[in-house]
Amino acid sequence: MKTGVITDGISRDFEHALTVMDEFNLEYAELQFLWDKEVGYLESHEVKNAKELLDKYGKKVSNICHHIFAGMRMDEKPGGELHNTHLDRLKRCMEIAHEVGSPCVRILSPKKEQILFGAHGAEKWNVAKGAWERLLPLIEPAVEIAKQENLKLVVETG
């Protein structure tokens, strides 16, 4: 069995998180926040420092996660300014994934939409119609970028 942890779930002090991982024999680190920065905002020297620490502690990176698409409204248009900002951050995360040897980059779904099954008009009150159909065009460019970068895209939907 392979075990790991989102490192900032232990501490945003990355080296401390790695030492705790050692205590519990955890092999894989998911990088989300390091030193109070979300991973996609790390500068090149910070990524280099993270890689050196990963090597020092013998850890592999399972996943890079920057909150790509998180909280974005479902009515956001593909190719719009906000959508493109998220795609640019995804590209940076993929660069980082290559640098630290991660095979995966995780994205999140946009704003969670309540889905109601049933009839008699309830859906008129508190749910979004067509959320799935609107989600697909938003993440399609991310899938294409992942293919070009030869990385796996992990989609968190919950």
N, C-alpha and C. Protein backbone atom coordinates (compact mmCIF):
# COMPACT_ATOMS: atom_id res chain seq x y z
N MET A 1 0.84 -1.17 0.00
CA MET A 1 0.00 0.00 0.00
C MET A 1 0.89 1.25 0.00
N LYS A 2 0.46 2.25 -0.76
CA LYS A 2 1.18 3.52 -0.81
C LYS A 2 0.42 4.51 0.06
N THR A 3 1.14 5.21 0.92
CA THR A 3 0.50 6.16 1.81
C THR A 3 1.12 7.54 1.66
N GLY A 4 0.30 8.54 1.86
CA GLY A 4 0.77 9.91 1.75
C GLY A 4 -0.18 10.86 2.46
N VAL A 5 0.11 12.14 2.30
CA VAL A 5 -0.67 13.16 2.98
C VAL A 5 -0.54 14.49 2.24
N ILE A 6 -1.56 15.32 2.36
CA ILE A 6 -1.44 16.71 1.92
C ILE A 6 -0.60 17.40 2.98
N THR A 7 0.57 17.86 2.60
CA THR A 7 1.55 18.29 3.61
C THR A 7 1.07 19.42 4.49
N ASP A 8 0.29 20.37 3.95
CA ASP A 8 -0.14 21.46 4.81
C ASP A 8 -1.22 21.03 5.79
N GLY A 9 -1.72 19.80 5.65
CA GLY A 9 -2.59 19.24 6.68
C GLY A 9 -1.81 18.96 7.95
N ILE A 10 -0.50 18.83 7.81
CA ILE A 10 0.40 18.69 8.96
C ILE A 10 0.88 20.07 9.38
N SER A 11 1.47 20.78 8.42
CA SER A 11 2.02 22.11 8.70
C SER A 11 2.35 22.78 7.38
N ARG A 12 2.23 24.11 7.35
CA ARG A 12 2.69 24.85 6.18
C ARG A 12 4.21 25.05 6.22
N ASP A 13 4.81 24.73 7.33
CA ASP A 13 6.28 24.66 7.40
C ASP A 13 6.65 23.34 6.74
N PHE A 14 7.08 23.42 5.50
CA PHE A 14 7.23 22.24 4.66
C PHE A 14 8.22 21.23 5.25
N GLU A 15 9.34 21.70 5.75
CA GLU A 15 10.31 20.75 6.30
C GLU A 15 9.74 20.05 7.54
N HIS A 16 9.01 20.78 8.36
CA HIS A 16 8.39 20.14 9.53
C HIS A 16 7.40 19.06 9.07
N ALA A 17 6.60 19.37 8.05
CA ALA A 17 5.65 18.39 7.53
C ALA A 17 6.38 17.13 7.06
N LEU A 18 7.51 17.31 6.41
CA LEU A 18 8.28 16.15 5.93
C LEU A 18 8.83 15.32 7.09
N THR A 19 9.24 15.97 8.17
CA THR A 19 9.75 15.20 9.32
C THR A 19 8.62 14.41 9.97
N VAL A 20 7.43 14.98 10.03
CA VAL A 20 6.28 14.25 10.59
C VAL A 20 5.92 13.09 9.67
N MET A 21 6.01 13.30 8.37
CA MET A 21 5.76 12.20 7.43
C MET A 21 6.71 11.04 7.71
N ASP A 22 7.96 11.36 8.00
CA ASP A 22 8.93 10.32 8.34
C ASP A 22 8.50 9.53 9.58
N GLU A 23 8.02 10.23 10.58
CA GLU A 23 7.59 9.58 11.82
C GLU A 23 6.51 8.53 11.57
N PHE A 24 5.66 8.79 10.57
CA PHE A 24 4.54 7.89 10.30
C PHE A 24 4.74 7.06 9.03
N ASN A 25 5.97 7.05 8.52
CA ASN A 25 6.32 6.26 7.33
C ASN A 25 5.43 6.58 6.13
N LEU A 26 5.14 7.84 5.93
CA LEU A 26 4.36 8.28 4.78
C LEU A 26 5.33 8.61 3.64
N GLU A 27 5.08 8.02 2.49
CA GLU A 27 6.01 8.12 1.37
C GLU A 27 5.67 9.25 0.39
N TYR A 28 4.38 9.55 0.24
CA TYR A 28 3.94 10.48 -0.80
C TYR A 28 3.42 11.79 -0.22
N ALA A 29 3.88 12.89 -0.79
CA ALA A 29 3.44 14.22 -0.38
C ALA A 29 2.57 14.82 -1.47
N GLU A 30 1.42 15.35 -1.07
CA GLU A 30 0.64 16.17 -1.99
C GLU A 30 0.92 17.61 -1.61
N LEU A 31 1.33 18.40 -2.59
CA LEU A 31 1.72 19.78 -2.33
C LEU A 31 0.56 20.71 -2.66
N GLN A 32 0.15 21.46 -1.64
CA GLN A 32 -0.96 22.40 -1.81
C GLN A 32 -0.54 23.79 -1.31
N PHE A 33 -0.17 23.90 -0.04
CA PHE A 33 0.37 25.13 0.53
C PHE A 33 1.73 24.81 1.13
N LEU A 34 2.74 25.59 0.77
CA LEU A 34 4.08 25.47 1.34
C LEU A 34 4.50 26.87 1.78
N TRP A 35 4.92 27.00 3.01
CA TRP A 35 5.40 28.28 3.53
C TRP A 35 4.38 29.41 3.30
N ASP A 36 3.15 29.13 3.57
CA ASP A 36 2.06 30.12 3.46
C ASP A 36 1.82 30.62 2.04
N LYS A 37 2.22 29.82 1.06
CA LYS A 37 1.90 30.13 -0.34
C LYS A 37 1.22 28.93 -0.95
N GLU A 38 0.19 29.20 -1.73
CA GLU A 38 -0.39 28.11 -2.50
C GLU A 38 0.63 27.72 -3.56
N VAL A 39 0.74 26.43 -3.82
CA VAL A 39 1.84 25.88 -4.61
C VAL A 39 2.01 26.57 -5.97
N GLY A 40 0.92 26.94 -6.61
CA GLY A 40 1.01 27.57 -7.92
C GLY A 40 1.61 28.96 -7.90
N TYR A 41 1.78 29.53 -6.71
CA TYR A 41 2.40 30.85 -6.57
C TYR A 41 3.87 30.78 -6.16
N LEU A 42 4.39 29.58 -5.99
CA LEU A 42 5.80 29.45 -5.61
C LEU A 42 6.70 29.98 -6.72
N GLU A 43 7.75 30.67 -6.31
CA GLU A 43 8.75 31.14 -7.27
C GLU A 43 9.76 30.03 -7.52
N SER A 44 10.53 30.18 -8.57
CA SER A 44 11.46 29.13 -8.98
C SER A 44 12.40 28.70 -7.86
N HIS A 45 12.94 29.65 -7.11
CA HIS A 45 13.87 29.29 -6.02
C HIS A 45 13.14 28.52 -4.91
N GLU A 46 11.85 28.81 -4.71
CA GLU A 46 11.08 28.08 -3.70
C GLU A 46 10.79 26.65 -4.14
N VAL A 47 10.52 26.48 -5.42
CA VAL A 47 10.31 25.14 -5.96
C VAL A 47 11.61 24.34 -5.84
N LYS A 48 12.72 24.98 -6.14
CA LYS A 48 14.02 24.31 -6.01
C LYS A 48 14.26 23.89 -4.56
N ASN A 49 13.96 24.76 -3.63
CA ASN A 49 14.10 24.45 -2.20
C ASN A 49 13.20 23.28 -1.81
N ALA A 50 11.96 23.29 -2.30
CA ALA A 50 11.03 22.19 -2.01
C ALA A 50 11.58 20.87 -2.55
N LYS A 51 12.11 20.90 -3.77
CA LYS A 51 12.67 19.69 -4.37
C LYS A 51 13.86 19.18 -3.56
N GLU A 52 14.71 20.08 -3.12
CA GLU A 52 15.85 19.67 -2.29
C GLU A 52 15.39 19.01 -0.99
N LEU A 53 14.35 19.57 -0.37
CA LEU A 53 13.82 18.98 0.86
C LEU A 53 13.17 17.62 0.60
N LEU A 54 12.44 17.52 -0.50
CA LEU A 54 11.84 16.22 -0.86
C LEU A 54 12.93 15.16 -1.03
N ASP A 55 14.00 15.54 -1.71
CA ASP A 55 15.12 14.61 -1.91
C ASP A 55 15.79 14.26 -0.58
N LYS A 56 15.99 15.27 0.26
CA LYS A 56 16.63 15.06 1.56
C LYS A 56 15.86 14.04 2.40
N TYR A 57 14.52 14.11 2.36
CA TYR A 57 13.69 13.22 3.17
C TYR A 57 13.19 12.00 2.40
N GLY A 58 13.59 11.88 1.14
CA GLY A 58 13.22 10.71 0.35
C GLY A 58 11.74 10.60 0.07
N LYS A 59 11.08 11.72 -0.18
CA LYS A 59 9.64 11.73 -0.44
C LYS A 59 9.36 11.92 -1.92
N LYS A 60 8.28 11.30 -2.36
CA LYS A 60 7.78 11.47 -3.73
C LYS A 60 6.55 12.36 -3.67
N VAL A 61 6.28 13.04 -4.77
CA VAL A 61 5.10 13.90 -4.84
C VAL A 61 4.03 13.18 -5.64
N SER A 62 2.90 12.96 -5.01
CA SER A 62 1.80 12.28 -5.67
C SER A 62 0.97 13.24 -6.50
N ASN A 63 0.95 14.50 -6.10
CA ASN A 63 -0.03 15.40 -6.65
C ASN A 63 0.35 16.84 -6.32
N ILE A 64 0.05 17.72 -7.26
CA ILE A 64 0.15 19.16 -7.04
C ILE A 64 -1.28 19.68 -7.03
N CYS A 65 -1.62 20.49 -6.04
CA CYS A 65 -2.98 21.04 -6.01
C CYS A 65 -2.96 22.53 -5.71
N HIS A 66 -3.38 23.28 -6.67
CA HIS A 66 -3.68 24.71 -6.51
C HIS A 66 -5.18 24.77 -6.77
N HIS A 67 -5.89 25.58 -6.11
CA HIS A 67 -7.35 25.53 -6.20
C HIS A 67 -7.86 26.04 -7.57
N ILE A 68 -7.44 25.35 -8.62
CA ILE A 68 -7.84 25.67 -9.99
C ILE A 68 -9.35 25.44 -10.13
N PHE A 69 -10.05 26.44 -10.59
CA PHE A 69 -11.50 26.45 -10.83
C PHE A 69 -12.34 26.50 -9.55
N ALA A 70 -11.74 26.37 -8.39
CA ALA A 70 -12.52 26.36 -7.14
C ALA A 70 -13.28 27.67 -6.98
N GLY A 71 -14.56 27.55 -6.71
CA GLY A 71 -15.39 28.71 -6.44
C GLY A 71 -15.78 29.52 -7.66
N MET A 72 -15.27 29.16 -8.83
CA MET A 72 -15.63 29.88 -10.04
C MET A 72 -17.11 29.63 -10.33
N ARG A 73 -17.82 30.65 -10.70
CA ARG A 73 -19.26 30.49 -10.97
C ARG A 73 -19.48 29.60 -12.19
N MET A 74 -20.55 28.84 -12.13
CA MET A 74 -20.86 27.93 -13.23
C MET A 74 -21.26 28.67 -14.50
N ASP A 75 -21.62 29.94 -14.40
CA ASP A 75 -21.97 30.68 -15.61
C ASP A 75 -20.76 31.38 -16.23
N GLU A 76 -19.57 31.12 -15.67
CA GLU A 76 -18.34 31.64 -16.27
C GLU A 76 -18.17 31.03 -17.66
N LYS A 77 -17.75 31.85 -18.59
CA LYS A 77 -17.60 31.39 -19.98
C LYS A 77 -16.19 30.84 -20.22
N PRO A 78 -16.10 29.70 -20.92
CA PRO A 78 -14.78 29.21 -21.32
C PRO A 78 -14.07 30.29 -22.16
N GLY A 79 -12.83 30.55 -21.84
CA GLY A 79 -12.08 31.57 -22.55
C GLY A 79 -12.24 32.97 -21.98
N GLY A 80 -13.10 33.11 -20.97
CA GLY A 80 -13.25 34.40 -20.31
C GLY A 80 -12.03 34.73 -19.47
N GLU A 81 -11.96 35.96 -18.98
CA GLU A 81 -10.78 36.41 -18.24
C GLU A 81 -10.49 35.54 -17.02
N LEU A 82 -11.49 35.28 -16.20
CA LEU A 82 -11.28 34.47 -15.00
C LEU A 82 -10.89 33.04 -15.36
N HIS A 83 -11.56 32.48 -16.35
CA HIS A 83 -11.25 31.12 -16.80
C HIS A 83 -9.80 31.04 -17.26
N ASN A 84 -9.38 32.01 -18.05
CA ASN A 84 -7.99 32.02 -18.54
C ASN A 84 -6.98 32.20 -17.42
N THR A 85 -7.34 32.98 -16.40
CA THR A 85 -6.46 33.13 -15.23
C THR A 85 -6.24 31.78 -14.56
N HIS A 86 -7.32 31.01 -14.41
CA HIS A 86 -7.20 29.68 -13.81
C HIS A 86 -6.36 28.76 -14.70
N LEU A 87 -6.54 28.84 -16.00
CA LEU A 87 -5.75 27.99 -16.91
C LEU A 87 -4.26 28.36 -16.85
N ASP A 88 -3.96 29.65 -16.74
CA ASP A 88 -2.56 30.07 -16.60
C ASP A 88 -1.95 29.50 -15.32
N ARG A 89 -2.71 29.51 -14.24
CA ARG A 89 -2.21 28.96 -12.98
C ARG A 89 -2.03 27.46 -13.11
N LEU A 90 -2.92 26.80 -13.85
CA LEU A 90 -2.78 25.36 -14.09
C LEU A 90 -1.47 25.08 -14.83
N LYS A 91 -1.16 25.89 -15.82
CA LYS A 91 0.09 25.70 -16.57
C LYS A 91 1.30 25.83 -15.64
N ARG A 92 1.25 26.79 -14.73
CA ARG A 92 2.36 26.95 -13.77
C ARG A 92 2.45 25.73 -12.87
N CYS A 93 1.31 25.21 -12.44
CA CYS A 93 1.32 24.01 -11.59
C CYS A 93 1.90 22.82 -12.35
N MET A 94 1.65 22.75 -13.63
CA MET A 94 2.20 21.65 -14.42
C MET A 94 3.71 21.78 -14.55
N GLU A 95 4.20 23.01 -14.68
CA GLU A 95 5.66 23.22 -14.67
C GLU A 95 6.25 22.71 -13.36
N ILE A 96 5.60 23.07 -12.27
CA ILE A 96 6.07 22.64 -10.95
C ILE A 96 6.01 21.13 -10.83
N ALA A 97 4.93 20.53 -11.32
CA ALA A 97 4.80 19.07 -11.28
C ALA A 97 5.98 18.40 -11.96
N HIS A 98 6.36 18.91 -13.12
CA HIS A 98 7.53 18.35 -13.82
C HIS A 98 8.80 18.52 -12.98
N GLU A 99 8.95 19.68 -12.35
CA GLU A 99 10.17 19.96 -11.58
C GLU A 99 10.30 19.05 -10.37
N VAL A 100 9.18 18.70 -9.74
CA VAL A 100 9.25 17.87 -8.52
C VAL A 100 8.92 16.41 -8.78
N GLY A 101 8.66 16.06 -10.04
CA GLY A 101 8.42 14.67 -10.40
C GLY A 101 7.04 14.15 -10.07
N SER A 102 6.06 15.04 -10.03
CA SER A 102 4.69 14.60 -9.76
C SER A 102 4.00 14.20 -11.06
N PRO A 103 3.31 13.07 -11.08
CA PRO A 103 2.60 12.65 -12.28
C PRO A 103 1.22 13.30 -12.42
N CYS A 104 0.76 13.98 -11.36
CA CYS A 104 -0.63 14.46 -11.34
C CYS A 104 -0.73 15.91 -10.87
N VAL A 105 -1.73 16.60 -11.43
CA VAL A 105 -2.13 17.92 -10.95
C VAL A 105 -3.63 17.84 -10.69
N ARG A 106 -4.02 18.31 -9.51
CA ARG A 106 -5.44 18.24 -9.13
C ARG A 106 -6.10 19.58 -9.36
N ILE A 107 -7.31 19.53 -9.92
CA ILE A 107 -8.14 20.72 -10.05
C ILE A 107 -9.42 20.46 -9.26
N LEU A 108 -10.16 21.51 -9.01
CA LEU A 108 -11.42 21.37 -8.31
C LEU A 108 -12.55 21.78 -9.25
N SER A 109 -13.72 21.36 -8.93
CA SER A 109 -14.85 21.79 -9.74
C SER A 109 -15.21 23.21 -9.35
N PRO A 110 -15.84 23.94 -10.26
CA PRO A 110 -16.29 25.29 -9.90
C PRO A 110 -17.30 25.21 -8.76
N LYS A 111 -17.90 26.33 -8.47
CA LYS A 111 -18.86 26.42 -7.37
C LYS A 111 -19.77 25.21 -7.35
N LYS A 112 -19.88 24.63 -6.18
CA LYS A 112 -20.72 23.43 -6.05
C LYS A 112 -22.17 23.80 -6.30
N GLU A 113 -22.82 23.02 -7.08
CA GLU A 113 -24.23 23.24 -7.39
C GLU A 113 -25.05 22.13 -6.77
N GLN A 114 -26.12 22.50 -6.14
CA GLN A 114 -27.01 21.49 -5.57
C GLN A 114 -27.78 20.84 -6.71
N ILE A 115 -27.83 19.54 -6.69
CA ILE A 115 -28.55 18.80 -7.72
C ILE A 115 -29.72 18.11 -7.06
N LEU A 116 -30.89 18.30 -7.62
CA LEU A 116 -32.10 17.74 -7.05
C LEU A 116 -32.74 16.82 -8.08
N PHE A 117 -33.07 15.63 -7.65
CA PHE A 117 -33.78 14.70 -8.50
C PHE A 117 -35.22 14.68 -8.05
N GLY A 118 -36.13 14.70 -8.97
CA GLY A 118 -37.53 14.66 -8.59
C GLY A 118 -38.36 15.46 -9.58
N ALA A 119 -39.57 15.74 -9.18
CA ALA A 119 -40.50 16.40 -10.08
C ALA A 119 -41.37 17.38 -9.28
N HIS A 120 -42.39 17.83 -9.92
CA HIS A 120 -43.41 18.69 -9.31
C HIS A 120 -42.90 20.08 -8.97
N GLY A 121 -41.88 20.55 -9.66
CA GLY A 121 -41.44 21.93 -9.53
C GLY A 121 -40.38 22.25 -8.50
N ALA A 122 -39.93 21.29 -7.71
CA ALA A 122 -38.93 21.58 -6.68
C ALA A 122 -37.65 22.15 -7.29
N GLU A 123 -37.30 21.68 -8.48
CA GLU A 123 -36.05 22.13 -9.11
C GLU A 123 -36.07 23.61 -9.44
N LYS A 124 -37.23 24.24 -9.43
CA LYS A 124 -37.31 25.67 -9.72
C LYS A 124 -36.80 26.52 -8.56
N TRP A 125 -36.69 25.93 -7.39
CA TRP A 125 -36.40 26.71 -6.20
C TRP A 125 -34.94 26.76 -5.79
N ASN A 126 -34.25 25.66 -5.82
CA ASN A 126 -32.96 25.67 -5.14
C ASN A 126 -31.85 24.91 -5.84
N VAL A 127 -31.97 24.68 -7.09
CA VAL A 127 -30.90 23.94 -7.76
C VAL A 127 -30.56 24.59 -9.09
N ALA A 128 -29.38 24.26 -9.57
CA ALA A 128 -28.95 24.72 -10.88
C ALA A 128 -29.31 23.66 -11.90
N LYS A 129 -29.81 24.09 -13.00
CA LYS A 129 -30.09 23.16 -14.09
C LYS A 129 -28.90 23.19 -15.04
N GLY A 130 -28.52 22.02 -15.52
CA GLY A 130 -27.47 21.94 -16.53
C GLY A 130 -26.06 22.15 -16.00
N ALA A 131 -25.85 21.94 -14.69
CA ALA A 131 -24.51 22.17 -14.13
C ALA A 131 -23.47 21.29 -14.80
N TRP A 132 -23.79 20.04 -15.02
CA TRP A 132 -22.83 19.12 -15.64
C TRP A 132 -22.49 19.57 -17.05
N GLU A 133 -23.50 19.96 -17.80
CA GLU A 133 -23.28 20.39 -19.19
C GLU A 133 -22.41 21.65 -19.24
N ARG A 134 -22.52 22.51 -18.24
CA ARG A 134 -21.69 23.73 -18.22
C ARG A 134 -20.29 23.44 -17.70
N LEU A 135 -20.14 22.39 -16.89
CA LEU A 135 -18.83 22.06 -16.34
C LEU A 135 -17.88 21.55 -17.42
N LEU A 136 -18.37 20.72 -18.30
CA LEU A 136 -17.49 20.08 -19.28
C LEU A 136 -16.70 21.06 -20.14
N PRO A 137 -17.33 22.10 -20.72
CA PRO A 137 -16.53 23.05 -21.51
C PRO A 137 -15.52 23.84 -20.69
N LEU A 138 -15.78 23.99 -19.38
CA LEU A 138 -14.83 24.71 -18.53
C LEU A 138 -13.57 23.91 -18.27
N ILE A 139 -13.72 22.58 -18.12
CA ILE A 139 -12.52 21.79 -17.82
C ILE A 139 -11.87 21.18 -19.07
N GLU A 140 -12.55 21.23 -20.20
CA GLU A 140 -11.98 20.65 -21.42
C GLU A 140 -10.61 21.23 -21.77
N PRO A 141 -10.40 22.56 -21.70
CA PRO A 141 -9.05 23.07 -21.99
C PRO A 141 -8.00 22.54 -21.01
N ALA A 142 -8.39 22.33 -19.77
CA ALA A 142 -7.45 21.79 -18.77
C ALA A 142 -7.04 20.37 -19.16
N VAL A 143 -7.97 19.60 -19.66
CA VAL A 143 -7.67 18.24 -20.11
C VAL A 143 -6.67 18.28 -21.26
N GLU A 144 -6.87 19.19 -22.18
CA GLU A 144 -5.96 19.31 -23.33
C GLU A 144 -4.56 19.73 -22.88
N ILE A 145 -4.48 20.66 -21.93
CA ILE A 145 -3.18 21.08 -21.41
C ILE A 145 -2.48 19.90 -20.75
N ALA A 146 -3.22 19.13 -19.96
CA ALA A 146 -2.63 17.96 -19.29
C ALA A 146 -2.10 16.95 -20.31
N LYS A 147 -2.85 16.74 -21.39
CA LYS A 147 -2.38 15.83 -22.45
C LYS A 147 -1.07 16.33 -23.04
N GLN A 148 -1.01 17.63 -23.34
CA GLN A 148 0.20 18.21 -23.93
C GLN A 148 1.40 18.07 -22.99
N GLU A 149 1.13 18.17 -21.70
CA GLU A 149 2.21 18.09 -20.69
C GLU A 149 2.50 16.66 -20.25
N ASN A 150 1.72 15.71 -20.77
CA ASN A 150 1.86 14.30 -20.40
C ASN A 150 1.73 14.09 -18.89
N LEU A 151 0.74 14.77 -18.32
CA LEU A 151 0.43 14.65 -16.89
C LEU A 151 -1.02 14.22 -16.73
N LYS A 152 -1.31 13.63 -15.59
CA LYS A 152 -2.68 13.23 -15.28
C LYS A 152 -3.36 14.39 -14.57
N LEU A 153 -4.61 14.59 -14.92
CA LEU A 153 -5.42 15.61 -14.29
C LEU A 153 -6.38 14.91 -13.34
N VAL A 154 -6.32 15.29 -12.08
CA VAL A 154 -7.20 14.71 -11.06
C VAL A 154 -8.28 15.75 -10.79
N VAL A 155 -9.54 15.35 -10.87
CA VAL A 155 -10.64 16.28 -10.69
C VAL A 155 -11.36 15.98 -9.38
N GLU A 156 -11.32 16.93 -8.46
CA GLU A 156 -12.05 16.79 -7.20
C GLU A 156 -13.43 17.40 -7.40
N THR A 157 -14.45 16.62 -7.17
CA THR A 157 -15.81 17.10 -7.42
C THR A 157 -16.61 17.31 -6.15
N GLY A 158 -16.05 16.97 -5.00
CA GLY A 158 -16.84 17.05 -3.77
C GLY A 158 -16.47 18.18 -2.88
